[in-house]
All heavy atoms as atom14 arrays in JSON, in Angstrom:
{
  "sequence": "LKATDVPVVAFSVGEEELRGVDAKPLVGHLAAWNYFESIKNPVNEAFI",
  "atom14_mask": [
    [1, 1, 1, 1, 1, 1, 1, 1, 0, 0, 0, 0, 0, 0],
    [1, 1, 1, 1, 1, 1, 1, 1, 1, 0, 0, 0, 0, 0],
    [1, 1, 1, 1, 1, 0, 0, 0, 0, 0, 0, 0, 0, 0],
    [1, 1, 1, 1, 1, 1, 1, 0, 0, 0, 0, 0, 0, 0],
    [1, 1, 1, 1, 1, 1, 1, 1, 0, 0, 0, 0, 0, 0],
    [1, 1, 1, 1, 1, 1, 1, 0, 0, 0, 0, 0, 0, 0],
    [1, 1, 1, 1, 1, 1, 1, 0, 0, 0, 0, 0, 0, 0],
    [1, 1, 1, 1, 1, 1, 1, 0, 0, 0, 0, 0, 0, 0],
    [1, 1, 1, 1, 1, 1, 1, 0, 0, 0, 0, 0, 0, 0],
    [1, 1, 1, 1, 1, 0, 0, 0, 0, 0, 0, 0, 0, 0],
    [1, 1, 1, 1, 1, 1, 1, 1, 1, 1, 1, 0, 0, 0],
    [1, 1, 1, 1, 1, 1, 0, 0, 0, 0, 0, 0, 0, 0],
    [1, 1, 1, 1, 1, 1, 1, 0, 0, 0, 0, 0, 0, 0],
    [1, 1, 1, 1, 0, 0, 0, 0, 0, 0, 0, 0, 0, 0],
    [1, 1, 1, 1, 1, 1, 1, 1, 1, 0, 0, 0, 0, 0],
    [1, 1, 1, 1, 1, 1, 1, 1, 1, 0, 0, 0, 0, 0],
    [1, 1, 1, 1, 1, 1, 1, 1, 1, 0, 0, 0, 0, 0],
    [1, 1, 1, 1, 1, 1, 1, 1, 0, 0, 0, 0, 0, 0],
    [1, 1, 1, 1, 1, 1, 1, 1, 1, 1, 1, 0, 0, 0],
    [1, 1, 1, 1, 0, 0, 0, 0, 0, 0, 0, 0, 0, 0],
    [1, 1, 1, 1, 1, 1, 1, 0, 0, 0, 0, 0, 0, 0],
    [1, 1, 1, 1, 1, 1, 1, 1, 0, 0, 0, 0, 0, 0],
    [1, 1, 1, 1, 1, 0, 0, 0, 0, 0, 0, 0, 0, 0],
    [1, 1, 1, 1, 1, 1, 1, 1, 1, 0, 0, 0, 0, 0],
    [1, 1, 1, 1, 1, 1, 1, 0, 0, 0, 0, 0, 0, 0],
    [1, 1, 1, 1, 1, 1, 1, 1, 0, 0, 0, 0, 0, 0],
    [1, 1, 1, 1, 1, 1, 1, 0, 0, 0, 0, 0, 0, 0],
    [1, 1, 1, 1, 0, 0, 0, 0, 0, 0, 0, 0, 0, 0],
    [1, 1, 1, 1, 1, 1, 1, 1, 1, 1, 0, 0, 0, 0],
    [1, 1, 1, 1, 1, 1, 1, 1, 0, 0, 0, 0, 0, 0],
    [1, 1, 1, 1, 1, 0, 0, 0, 0, 0, 0, 0, 0, 0],
    [1, 1, 1, 1, 1, 0, 0, 0, 0, 0, 0, 0, 0, 0],
    [1, 1, 1, 1, 1, 1, 1, 1, 1, 1, 1, 1, 1, 1],
    [1, 1, 1, 1, 1, 1, 1, 1, 0, 0, 0, 0, 0, 0],
    [1, 1, 1, 1, 1, 1, 1, 1, 1, 1, 1, 1, 0, 0],
    [1, 1, 1, 1, 1, 1, 1, 1, 1, 1, 1, 0, 0, 0],
    [1, 1, 1, 1, 1, 1, 1, 1, 1, 0, 0, 0, 0, 0],
    [1, 1, 1, 1, 1, 1, 0, 0, 0, 0, 0, 0, 0, 0],
    [1, 1, 1, 1, 1, 1, 1, 1, 0, 0, 0, 0, 0, 0],
    [1, 1, 1, 1, 1, 1, 1, 1, 1, 0, 0, 0, 0, 0],
    [1, 1, 1, 1, 1, 1, 1, 1, 0, 0, 0, 0, 0, 0],
    [1, 1, 1, 1, 1, 1, 1, 0, 0, 0, 0, 0, 0, 0],
    [1, 1, 1, 1, 1, 1, 1, 0, 0, 0, 0, 0, 0, 0],
    [1, 1, 1, 1, 1, 1, 1, 1, 0, 0, 0, 0, 0, 0],
    [1, 1, 1, 1, 1, 1, 1, 1, 1, 0, 0, 0, 0, 0],
    [1, 1, 1, 1, 1, 0, 0, 0, 0, 0, 0, 0, 0, 0],
    [1, 1, 1, 1, 1, 1, 1, 1, 1, 1, 1, 0, 0, 0],
    [1, 1, 1, 1, 1, 1, 1, 1, 0, 0, 0, 0, 0, 0]
  ],
  "atom14_positions": [
    [[24.86, 16.7, -0.88], [24.63, 17.26, 0.45], [23.4, 16.63, 1.07], [22.27, 16.99, 0.75], [24.46, 18.79, 0.32], [24.89, 19.64, 1.52], [26.35, 19.43, 1.87], [24.63, 21.1, 1.22], [0.0, 0.0, 0.0], [0.0, 0.0, 0.0], [0.0, 0.0, 0.0], [0.0, 0.0, 0.0], [0.0, 0.0, 0.0], [0.0, 0.0, 0.0]],
    [[23.63, 15.65, 1.91], [22.51, 14.88, 2.47], [21.97, 15.56, 3.73], [22.66, 16.35, 4.38], [22.96, 13.47, 2.81], [23.39, 12.62, 1.59], [23.68, 11.19, 2.02], [23.97, 10.33, 0.8], [25.22, 10.66, 0.12], [0.0, 0.0, 0.0], [0.0, 0.0, 0.0], [0.0, 0.0, 0.0], [0.0, 0.0, 0.0], [0.0, 0.0, 0.0]],
    [[20.75, 15.19, 4.09], [20.11, 15.73, 5.27], [20.87, 15.4, 6.54], [20.84, 16.12, 7.52], [18.68, 15.23, 5.37], [0.0, 0.0, 0.0], [0.0, 0.0, 0.0], [0.0, 0.0, 0.0], [0.0, 0.0, 0.0], [0.0, 0.0, 0.0], [0.0, 0.0, 0.0], [0.0, 0.0, 0.0], [0.0, 0.0, 0.0], [0.0, 0.0, 0.0]],
    [[21.55, 14.27, 6.52], [22.36, 13.87, 7.71], [23.58, 14.77, 7.86], [24.12, 14.9, 8.95], [22.79, 12.41, 7.58], [23.33, 12.19, 6.28], [21.63, 11.45, 7.82], [0.0, 0.0, 0.0], [0.0, 0.0, 0.0], [0.0, 0.0, 0.0], [0.0, 0.0, 0.0], [0.0, 0.0, 0.0], [0.0, 0.0, 0.0], [0.0, 0.0, 0.0]],
    [[24.03, 15.39, 6.76], [25.19, 16.31, 6.82], [24.73, 17.71, 7.19], [25.15, 18.28, 8.2], [25.9, 16.35, 5.44], [26.33, 14.98, 4.97], [26.74, 14.17, 5.81], [26.22, 14.72, 3.75], [0.0, 0.0, 0.0], [0.0, 0.0, 0.0], [0.0, 0.0, 0.0], [0.0, 0.0, 0.0], [0.0, 0.0, 0.0], [0.0, 0.0, 0.0]],
    [[23.88, 18.28, 6.33], [23.35, 19.63, 6.53], [21.86, 19.59, 6.23], [21.44, 19.69, 5.07], [24.05, 20.66, 5.61], [23.48, 22.06, 5.85], [25.56, 20.66, 5.83], [0.0, 0.0, 0.0], [0.0, 0.0, 0.0], [0.0, 0.0, 0.0], [0.0, 0.0, 0.0], [0.0, 0.0, 0.0], [0.0, 0.0, 0.0], [0.0, 0.0, 0.0]],
    [[21.01, 19.5, 7.26], [19.58, 19.47, 6.98], [19.08, 20.84, 6.51], [19.52, 21.88, 6.98], [18.96, 19.12, 8.34], [19.99, 19.53, 9.36], [21.33, 19.36, 8.69], [0.0, 0.0, 0.0], [0.0, 0.0, 0.0], [0.0, 0.0, 0.0], [0.0, 0.0, 0.0], [0.0, 0.0, 0.0], [0.0, 0.0, 0.0], [0.0, 0.0, 0.0]],
    [[18.16, 20.8, 5.55], [17.51, 22.02, 5.04], [16.06, 21.96, 5.51], [15.37, 20.97, 5.28], [17.56, 22.1, 3.51], [16.78, 23.32, 3.03], [18.97, 22.13, 3.0], [0.0, 0.0, 0.0], [0.0, 0.0, 0.0], [0.0, 0.0, 0.0], [0.0, 0.0, 0.0], [0.0, 0.0, 0.0], [0.0, 0.0, 0.0], [0.0, 0.0, 0.0]],
    [[15.61, 23.05, 6.16], [14.18, 23.16, 6.43], [13.62, 24.29, 5.57], [14.18, 25.39, 5.54], [13.87, 23.4, 7.95], [14.43, 24.72, 8.43], [12.38, 23.33, 8.22], [0.0, 0.0, 0.0], [0.0, 0.0, 0.0], [0.0, 0.0, 0.0], [0.0, 0.0, 0.0], [0.0, 0.0, 0.0], [0.0, 0.0, 0.0], [0.0, 0.0, 0.0]],
    [[12.56, 23.98, 4.85], [11.98, 24.96, 3.91], [10.61, 25.39, 4.39], [9.87, 24.59, 4.99], [11.88, 24.33, 2.53], [0.0, 0.0, 0.0], [0.0, 0.0, 0.0], [0.0, 0.0, 0.0], [0.0, 0.0, 0.0], [0.0, 0.0, 0.0], [0.0, 0.0, 0.0], [0.0, 0.0, 0.0], [0.0, 0.0, 0.0], [0.0, 0.0, 0.0]],
    [[10.25, 26.64, 4.07], [8.94, 27.18, 4.44], [8.04, 27.39, 3.23], [6.88, 27.78, 3.37], [9.09, 28.52, 5.19], [9.97, 28.45, 6.41], [10.71, 29.54, 6.79], [10.06, 27.28, 7.17], [11.54, 29.49, 7.93], [10.86, 27.22, 8.29], [11.61, 28.31, 8.67], [0.0, 0.0, 0.0], [0.0, 0.0, 0.0], [0.0, 0.0, 0.0]],
    [[8.58, 27.17, 2.03], [7.78, 27.37, 0.83], [7.9, 26.2, -0.13], [7.65, 26.32, -1.31], [8.22, 28.67, 0.09], [7.92, 29.8, 0.89], [0.0, 0.0, 0.0], [0.0, 0.0, 0.0], [0.0, 0.0, 0.0], [0.0, 0.0, 0.0], [0.0, 0.0, 0.0], [0.0, 0.0, 0.0], [0.0, 0.0, 0.0], [0.0, 0.0, 0.0]],
    [[8.27, 25.05, 0.41], [8.36, 23.82, -0.39], [7.37, 22.83, 0.18], [7.46, 22.43, 1.35], [9.78, 23.22, -0.39], [9.77, 21.85, -1.07], [10.74, 24.14, -1.12], [0.0, 0.0, 0.0], [0.0, 0.0, 0.0], [0.0, 0.0, 0.0], [0.0, 0.0, 0.0], [0.0, 0.0, 0.0], [0.0, 0.0, 0.0], [0.0, 0.0, 0.0]],
    [[6.43, 22.45, -0.66], [5.46, 21.44, -0.25], [5.35, 20.39, -1.31], [6.18, 20.25, -2.21], [0.0, 0.0, 0.0], [0.0, 0.0, 0.0], [0.0, 0.0, 0.0], [0.0, 0.0, 0.0], [0.0, 0.0, 0.0], [0.0, 0.0, 0.0], [0.0, 0.0, 0.0], [0.0, 0.0, 0.0], [0.0, 0.0, 0.0], [0.0, 0.0, 0.0]],
    [[4.28, 19.63, -1.2], [4.06, 18.52, -2.12], [4.02, 18.95, -3.59], [4.54, 18.25, -4.47], [2.75, 17.8, -1.73], [2.77, 17.15, -0.37], [2.43, 18.07, 0.79], [2.43, 19.32, 0.62], [2.16, 17.58, 1.88], [0.0, 0.0, 0.0], [0.0, 0.0, 0.0], [0.0, 0.0, 0.0], [0.0, 0.0, 0.0], [0.0, 0.0, 0.0]],
    [[3.41, 20.12, -3.85], [3.27, 20.6, -5.23], [4.63, 20.89, -5.86], [4.9, 20.5, -7.0], [2.38, 21.85, -5.26], [2.08, 22.38, -6.65], [1.18, 21.47, -7.48], [0.44, 20.65, -6.89], [1.24, 21.57, -8.71], [0.0, 0.0, 0.0], [0.0, 0.0, 0.0], [0.0, 0.0, 0.0], [0.0, 0.0, 0.0], [0.0, 0.0, 0.0]],
    [[5.52, 21.59, -5.11], [6.83, 21.92, -5.64], [7.68, 20.68, -5.86], [8.49, 20.62, -6.8], [7.54, 22.88, -4.69], [6.97, 24.3, -4.65], [5.66, 24.42, -3.89], [5.32, 23.48, -3.11], [4.95, 25.41, -4.09], [0.0, 0.0, 0.0], [0.0, 0.0, 0.0], [0.0, 0.0, 0.0], [0.0, 0.0, 0.0], [0.0, 0.0, 0.0]],
    [[7.49, 19.66, -5.02], [8.31, 18.44, -5.13], [7.85, 17.54, -6.26], [8.54, 16.58, -6.63], [8.29, 17.66, -3.8], [9.04, 18.34, -2.65], [8.81, 17.62, -1.34], [10.55, 18.41, -2.94], [0.0, 0.0, 0.0], [0.0, 0.0, 0.0], [0.0, 0.0, 0.0], [0.0, 0.0, 0.0], [0.0, 0.0, 0.0], [0.0, 0.0, 0.0]],
    [[6.68, 17.83, -6.83], [6.21, 17.03, -7.97], [7.17, 17.12, -9.15], [7.27, 16.22, -9.96], [4.82, 17.5, -8.43], [3.68, 16.85, -7.7], [2.46, 16.67, -8.6], [1.82, 17.9, -9.04], [0.86, 17.96, -9.95], [0.45, 16.87, -10.54], [0.33, 19.12, -10.28], [0.0, 0.0, 0.0], [0.0, 0.0, 0.0], [0.0, 0.0, 0.0]],
    [[7.87, 18.26, -9.26], [8.76, 18.48, -10.41], [10.21, 18.09, -10.17], [11.08, 18.44, -10.94], [0.0, 0.0, 0.0], [0.0, 0.0, 0.0], [0.0, 0.0, 0.0], [0.0, 0.0, 0.0], [0.0, 0.0, 0.0], [0.0, 0.0, 0.0], [0.0, 0.0, 0.0], [0.0, 0.0, 0.0], [0.0, 0.0, 0.0], [0.0, 0.0, 0.0]],
    [[10.48, 17.39, -9.07], [11.85, 17.09, -8.68], [11.97, 15.57, -8.4], [11.0, 14.96, -7.91], [12.23, 17.86, -7.42], [13.67, 17.6, -7.01], [12.01, 19.35, -7.6], [0.0, 0.0, 0.0], [0.0, 0.0, 0.0], [0.0, 0.0, 0.0], [0.0, 0.0, 0.0], [0.0, 0.0, 0.0], [0.0, 0.0, 0.0], [0.0, 0.0, 0.0]],
    [[13.14, 15.0, -8.7], [13.43, 13.65, -8.21], [13.71, 13.78, -6.73], [14.75, 14.33, -6.32], [14.64, 13.08, -8.93], [15.06, 11.7, -8.39], [14.28, 11.11, -7.6], [16.15, 11.22, -8.74], [0.0, 0.0, 0.0], [0.0, 0.0, 0.0], [0.0, 0.0, 0.0], [0.0, 0.0, 0.0], [0.0, 0.0, 0.0], [0.0, 0.0, 0.0]],
    [[12.8, 13.31, -5.9], [12.9, 13.56, -4.44], [13.87, 12.62, -3.73], [14.21, 12.87, -2.56], [11.5, 13.45, -3.81], [0.0, 0.0, 0.0], [0.0, 0.0, 0.0], [0.0, 0.0, 0.0], [0.0, 0.0, 0.0], [0.0, 0.0, 0.0], [0.0, 0.0, 0.0], [0.0, 0.0, 0.0], [0.0, 0.0, 0.0], [0.0, 0.0, 0.0]],
    [[14.36, 11.62, -4.42], [15.2, 10.61, -3.73], [16.45, 11.24, -3.06], [16.77, 10.92, -1.93], [15.62, 9.5, -4.7], [14.44, 8.6, -5.1], [14.89, 7.47, -6.02], [13.66, 6.72, -6.55], [12.85, 7.52, -7.49], [0.0, 0.0, 0.0], [0.0, 0.0, 0.0], [0.0, 0.0, 0.0], [0.0, 0.0, 0.0], [0.0, 0.0, 0.0]],
    [[17.19, 12.16, -3.76], [18.36, 12.75, -3.1], [17.98, 13.68, -1.95], [18.87, 14.1, -1.19], [19.05, 13.53, -4.22], [18.47, 13.05, -5.49], [17.08, 12.6, -5.13], [0.0, 0.0, 0.0], [0.0, 0.0, 0.0], [0.0, 0.0, 0.0], [0.0, 0.0, 0.0], [0.0, 0.0, 0.0], [0.0, 0.0, 0.0], [0.0, 0.0, 0.0]],
    [[16.72, 14.04, -1.82], [16.29, 15.01, -0.83], [15.7, 14.34, 0.42], [15.25, 15.05, 1.33], [15.25, 15.95, -1.43], [15.6, 16.58, -2.78], [14.49, 17.47, -3.26], [16.9, 17.34, -2.67], [0.0, 0.0, 0.0], [0.0, 0.0, 0.0], [0.0, 0.0, 0.0], [0.0, 0.0, 0.0], [0.0, 0.0, 0.0], [0.0, 0.0, 0.0]],
    [[15.73, 13.04, 0.44], [15.12, 12.31, 1.56], [15.74, 12.77, 2.89], [16.96, 12.87, 3.02], [15.29, 10.8, 1.38], [14.92, 10.04, 2.67], [14.43, 10.29, 0.24], [0.0, 0.0, 0.0], [0.0, 0.0, 0.0], [0.0, 0.0, 0.0], [0.0, 0.0, 0.0], [0.0, 0.0, 0.0], [0.0, 0.0, 0.0], [0.0, 0.0, 0.0]],
    [[14.87, 13.09, 3.84], [15.35, 13.53, 5.17], [15.4, 15.02, 5.34], [15.41, 15.52, 6.49], [0.0, 0.0, 0.0], [0.0, 0.0, 0.0], [0.0, 0.0, 0.0], [0.0, 0.0, 0.0], [0.0, 0.0, 0.0], [0.0, 0.0, 0.0], [0.0, 0.0, 0.0], [0.0, 0.0, 0.0], [0.0, 0.0, 0.0], [0.0, 0.0, 0.0]],
    [[15.47, 15.79, 4.25], [15.36, 17.24, 4.37], [13.95, 17.58, 4.82], [13.03, 16.76, 4.72], [15.71, 17.94, 3.06], [17.16, 17.94, 2.75], [18.09, 18.53, 3.55], [17.86, 17.39, 1.7], [19.32, 18.36, 3.03], [19.19, 17.66, 1.91], [0.0, 0.0, 0.0], [0.0, 0.0, 0.0], [0.0, 0.0, 0.0], [0.0, 0.0, 0.0]],
    [[13.77, 18.77, 5.37], [12.58, 19.09, 6.13], [11.75, 20.22, 5.53], [12.27, 21.06, 4.8], [12.96, 19.48, 7.56], [13.79, 18.47, 8.34], [14.46, 19.17, 9.53], [12.94, 17.31, 8.82], [0.0, 0.0, 0.0], [0.0, 0.0, 0.0], [0.0, 0.0, 0.0], [0.0, 0.0, 0.0], [0.0, 0.0, 0.0], [0.0, 0.0, 0.0]],
    [[10.49, 20.23, 5.87], [9.62, 21.42, 5.61], [8.74, 21.6, 6.82], [8.37, 20.63, 7.49], [8.78, 21.19, 4.36], [0.0, 0.0, 0.0], [0.0, 0.0, 0.0], [0.0, 0.0, 0.0], [0.0, 0.0, 0.0], [0.0, 0.0, 0.0], [0.0, 0.0, 0.0], [0.0, 0.0, 0.0], [0.0, 0.0, 0.0], [0.0, 0.0, 0.0]],
    [[8.44, 22.85, 7.11], [7.53, 23.17, 8.22], [6.28, 23.82, 7.62], [6.37, 24.78, 6.86], [8.2, 24.13, 9.2], [0.0, 0.0, 0.0], [0.0, 0.0, 0.0], [0.0, 0.0, 0.0], [0.0, 0.0, 0.0], [0.0, 0.0, 0.0], [0.0, 0.0, 0.0], [0.0, 0.0, 0.0], [0.0, 0.0, 0.0], [0.0, 0.0, 0.0]],
    [[5.14, 23.23, 7.98], [3.85, 23.75, 7.5], [2.81, 23.54, 8.6], [3.15, 23.07, 9.7], [3.39, 23.0, 6.24], [4.18, 23.3, 4.97], [5.14, 22.5, 4.41], [4.04, 24.4, 4.08], [5.6, 23.06, 3.24], [4.95, 24.23, 3.02], [3.23, 25.54, 4.1], [5.08, 25.13, 1.97], [3.36, 26.46, 3.06], [4.28, 26.26, 2.01]],
    [[1.57, 23.83, 8.26], [0.45, 23.61, 9.17], [-0.44, 22.45, 8.69], [-1.46, 22.15, 9.32], [-0.38, 24.87, 9.32], [0.49, 26.1, 9.58], [0.66, 26.96, 8.73], [1.06, 26.18, 10.77], [0.0, 0.0, 0.0], [0.0, 0.0, 0.0], [0.0, 0.0, 0.0], [0.0, 0.0, 0.0], [0.0, 0.0, 0.0], [0.0, 0.0, 0.0]],
    [[0.0, 21.82, 7.59], [-0.76, 20.7, 7.0], [0.18, 19.96, 6.06], [1.02, 20.56, 5.38], [-1.95, 21.24, 6.19], [-2.57, 20.25, 5.22], [-3.59, 19.37, 5.62], [-2.1, 20.14, 3.9], [-4.13, 18.44, 4.73], [-2.63, 19.2, 3.02], [-3.64, 18.36, 3.44], [-4.16, 17.44, 2.58], [0.0, 0.0, 0.0], [0.0, 0.0, 0.0]],
    [[0.03, 18.64, 6.05], [0.66, 17.79, 5.02], [-0.4, 16.87, 4.45], [-1.32, 16.43, 5.18], [1.81, 16.96, 5.58], [3.05, 17.76, 5.89], [3.52, 17.86, 7.21], [3.78, 18.4, 4.9], [4.65, 18.57, 7.51], [4.93, 19.11, 5.21], [5.37, 19.2, 6.52], [0.0, 0.0, 0.0], [0.0, 0.0, 0.0], [0.0, 0.0, 0.0]],
    [[-0.25, 16.49, 3.2], [-1.18, 15.54, 2.58], [-1.17, 14.21, 3.33], [-2.17, 13.52, 3.41], [-0.84, 15.32, 1.1], [-1.82, 14.38, 0.41], [-1.54, 14.23, -1.08], [-0.4, 14.4, -1.5], [-2.5, 13.96, -1.81], [0.0, 0.0, 0.0], [0.0, 0.0, 0.0], [0.0, 0.0, 0.0], [0.0, 0.0, 0.0], [0.0, 0.0, 0.0]],
    [[0.0, 13.85, 3.89], [0.18, 12.52, 4.51], [-0.49, 12.39, 5.88], [-0.51, 11.3, 6.46], [1.68, 12.21, 4.65], [2.33, 13.24, 5.39], [0.0, 0.0, 0.0], [0.0, 0.0, 0.0], [0.0, 0.0, 0.0], [0.0, 0.0, 0.0], [0.0, 0.0, 0.0], [0.0, 0.0, 0.0], [0.0, 0.0, 0.0], [0.0, 0.0, 0.0]],
    [[-1.05, 13.5, 6.42], [-1.74, 13.43, 7.72], [-2.97, 12.55, 7.58], [-3.76, 12.68, 6.65], [-2.13, 14.86, 8.19], [-0.86, 15.67, 8.5], [-3.03, 14.78, 9.42], [-1.15, 17.14, 8.7], [0.0, 0.0, 0.0], [0.0, 0.0, 0.0], [0.0, 0.0, 0.0], [0.0, 0.0, 0.0], [0.0, 0.0, 0.0], [0.0, 0.0, 0.0]],
    [[-3.1, 11.62, 8.54], [-4.2, 10.66, 8.49], [-5.36, 11.08, 9.38], [-5.22, 11.16, 10.6], [-3.71, 9.26, 8.93], [-2.57, 8.71, 8.08], [-3.07, 8.21, 6.75], [-1.98, 7.47, 6.0], [-1.45, 8.18, 4.85], [0.0, 0.0, 0.0], [0.0, 0.0, 0.0], [0.0, 0.0, 0.0], [0.0, 0.0, 0.0], [0.0, 0.0, 0.0]],
    [[-6.49, 11.4, 8.77], [-7.74, 11.63, 9.48], [-8.86, 11.64, 8.44], [-8.61, 11.88, 7.24], [-7.71, 12.93, 10.32], [-7.65, 14.17, 9.47], [-8.59, 14.51, 8.76], [-6.51, 14.86, 9.52], [0.0, 0.0, 0.0], [0.0, 0.0, 0.0], [0.0, 0.0, 0.0], [0.0, 0.0, 0.0], [0.0, 0.0, 0.0], [0.0, 0.0, 0.0]],
    [[-10.09, 11.37, 8.84], [-11.21, 11.26, 7.88], [-11.45, 12.53, 7.05], [-11.77, 12.45, 5.86], [-12.41, 10.92, 8.76], [-11.84, 10.35, 9.99], [-10.53, 11.02, 10.2], [0.0, 0.0, 0.0], [0.0, 0.0, 0.0], [0.0, 0.0, 0.0], [0.0, 0.0, 0.0], [0.0, 0.0, 0.0], [0.0, 0.0, 0.0], [0.0, 0.0, 0.0]],
    [[-11.29, 13.72, 7.68], [-11.54, 14.97, 6.95], [-10.51, 15.14, 5.83], [-10.83, 15.5, 4.69], [-11.51, 16.18, 7.91], [-11.69, 17.5, 7.14], [-12.57, 16.05, 8.97], [0.0, 0.0, 0.0], [0.0, 0.0, 0.0], [0.0, 0.0, 0.0], [0.0, 0.0, 0.0], [0.0, 0.0, 0.0], [0.0, 0.0, 0.0], [0.0, 0.0, 0.0]],
    [[-9.23, 14.79, 6.14], [-8.21, 14.91, 5.12], [-8.38, 13.89, 4.0], [-8.17, 14.2, 2.82], [-6.81, 14.77, 5.75], [-5.72, 15.2, 4.78], [-5.91, 16.08, 3.96], [-4.55, 14.55, 4.87], [0.0, 0.0, 0.0], [0.0, 0.0, 0.0], [0.0, 0.0, 0.0], [0.0, 0.0, 0.0], [0.0, 0.0, 0.0], [0.0, 0.0, 0.0]],
    [[-8.75, 12.68, 4.37], [-8.98, 11.65, 3.35], [-10.06, 12.09, 2.37], [-9.92, 11.91, 1.16], [-9.37, 10.32, 4.03], [-8.17, 9.62, 4.67], [-8.58, 8.5, 5.6], [-9.69, 7.95, 5.45], [-7.76, 8.14, 6.48], [0.0, 0.0, 0.0], [0.0, 0.0, 0.0], [0.0, 0.0, 0.0], [0.0, 0.0, 0.0], [0.0, 0.0, 0.0]],
    [[-11.14, 12.69, 2.9], [-12.21, 13.16, 2.05], [-11.75, 14.34, 1.17], [-12.09, 14.42, -0.02], [-13.42, 13.61, 2.9], [0.0, 0.0, 0.0], [0.0, 0.0, 0.0], [0.0, 0.0, 0.0], [0.0, 0.0, 0.0], [0.0, 0.0, 0.0], [0.0, 0.0, 0.0], [0.0, 0.0, 0.0], [0.0, 0.0, 0.0], [0.0, 0.0, 0.0]],
    [[-10.94, 15.24, 1.74], [-10.39, 16.41, 1.02], [-9.53, 15.91, -0.16], [-9.68, 16.39, -1.28], [-9.58, 17.25, 1.99], [-8.93, 18.45, 1.37], [-9.68, 19.44, 0.75], [-7.54, 18.64, 1.5], [-9.06, 20.58, 0.21], [-6.93, 19.77, 0.97], [-7.69, 20.75, 0.32], [0.0, 0.0, 0.0], [0.0, 0.0, 0.0], [0.0, 0.0, 0.0]],
    [[-8.66, 14.96, 0.1], [-7.78, 14.44, -0.95], [-8.58, 13.77, -2.05], [-8.34, 14.01, -3.25], [-6.76, 13.43, -0.33], [-5.79, 14.16, 0.61], [-5.98, 12.72, -1.43], [-5.0, 13.21, 1.52], [0.0, 0.0, 0.0], [0.0, 0.0, 0.0], [0.0, 0.0, 0.0], [0.0, 0.0, 0.0], [0.0, 0.0, 0.0], [0.0, 0.0, 0.0]]
  ]
}
């Protein structure tokens, strides 16, 4: 079930939960949050 067929948007799945999963089949599925690790700015880079 690919994201192009039926997209899933999750509210409790983030980077930590995906550490335990092979993410390749999940490419394109979605999550909504107020922060992602991938956001680029100096404050986030220092935090990481």
